[in-house]
Amino acid sequence: MLARRKMSLTELSERVGITMSNLSILKTGKAKAVRLETLEAICKALDCQPGDILEFRAD
């Protein structure tokens, strides 16, 4: 979605108000959880739905 919106991780970080390191953890799939308010802020910044940026993986 970042590429589709032509937005950098830095710009998303500024718009959402979370650190680059936390965004990187989310982007690489290493996060164990994400707050709904963070997910909402990311979706608003990217003008997308949660399903556009989340993927379910059974471990």
Protein backbone atom coordinates (compact mmCIF):
# COMPACT_ATOMS: atom_id res chain seq x y z
CA MET A 1 0.00 0.00 0.00
CA LEU A 2 2.93 2.32 0.63
CA ALA A 3 4.10 1.90 -2.94
CA ARG A 4 0.58 2.34 -4.34
CA ARG A 5 0.20 5.59 -2.41
CA LYS A 6 3.76 6.66 -3.29
CA MET A 7 4.45 7.22 0.40
CA SER A 8 7.67 6.57 2.24
CA LEU A 9 7.90 4.80 5.58
CA THR A 10 9.14 8.10 7.03
CA GLU A 11 6.07 9.97 5.81
CA LEU A 12 3.74 7.25 7.14
CA SER A 13 5.54 7.37 10.49
CA GLU A 14 4.97 11.12 10.70
CA ARG A 15 1.31 10.89 9.69
CA VAL A 16 0.52 8.05 12.08
CA GLY A 17 2.68 9.22 14.96
CA ILE A 18 4.63 6.04 15.61
CA THR A 19 8.35 5.45 15.37
CA MET A 20 10.12 4.19 12.29
CA SER A 21 11.33 1.15 14.22
CA ASN A 22 7.79 0.20 15.23
CA LEU A 23 6.56 0.64 11.67
CA SER A 24 9.43 -1.49 10.43
CA ILE A 25 8.46 -4.27 12.84
CA LEU A 26 4.88 -4.10 11.58
CA LYS A 27 5.98 -4.02 7.94
CA THR A 28 8.25 -7.06 8.26
CA GLY A 29 5.57 -9.08 10.04
CA LYS A 30 7.58 -9.46 13.23
CA ALA A 31 4.99 -7.76 15.44
CA LYS A 32 3.09 -10.07 17.75
CA ALA A 33 0.15 -7.64 17.93
CA VAL A 34 -1.05 -4.29 16.68
CA ARG A 35 -3.32 -1.88 18.53
CA LEU A 36 -6.60 -1.18 16.81
CA GLU A 37 -5.99 2.56 17.10
CA THR A 38 -2.64 2.13 15.33
CA LEU A 39 -4.24 0.02 12.61
CA GLU A 40 -6.96 2.63 12.20
CA ALA A 41 -4.42 5.44 11.91
CA ILE A 42 -2.40 3.52 9.31
CA CYS A 43 -5.53 2.76 7.29
CA LYS A 44 -6.60 6.40 7.40
CA ALA A 45 -3.15 7.56 6.26
CA LEU A 46 -3.08 5.02 3.43
CA ASP A 47 -6.80 5.34 2.59
CA CYS A 48 -7.31 1.59 2.77
CA GLN A 49 -9.06 -1.15 4.72
CA PRO A 50 -7.34 -3.40 7.30
CA GLY A 51 -7.65 -6.37 4.95
CA ASP A 52 -5.55 -4.49 2.40
CA ILE A 53 -2.53 -4.49 4.71
CA LEU A 54 -3.01 -7.52 6.99
CA GLU A 55 -2.29 -11.13 6.16
CA PHE A 56 -3.22 -14.17 8.23
CA ARG A 57 -0.51 -16.79 8.64
CA ALA A 58 -1.11 -19.94 10.67
CA ASP A 59 2.06 -20.98 12.46
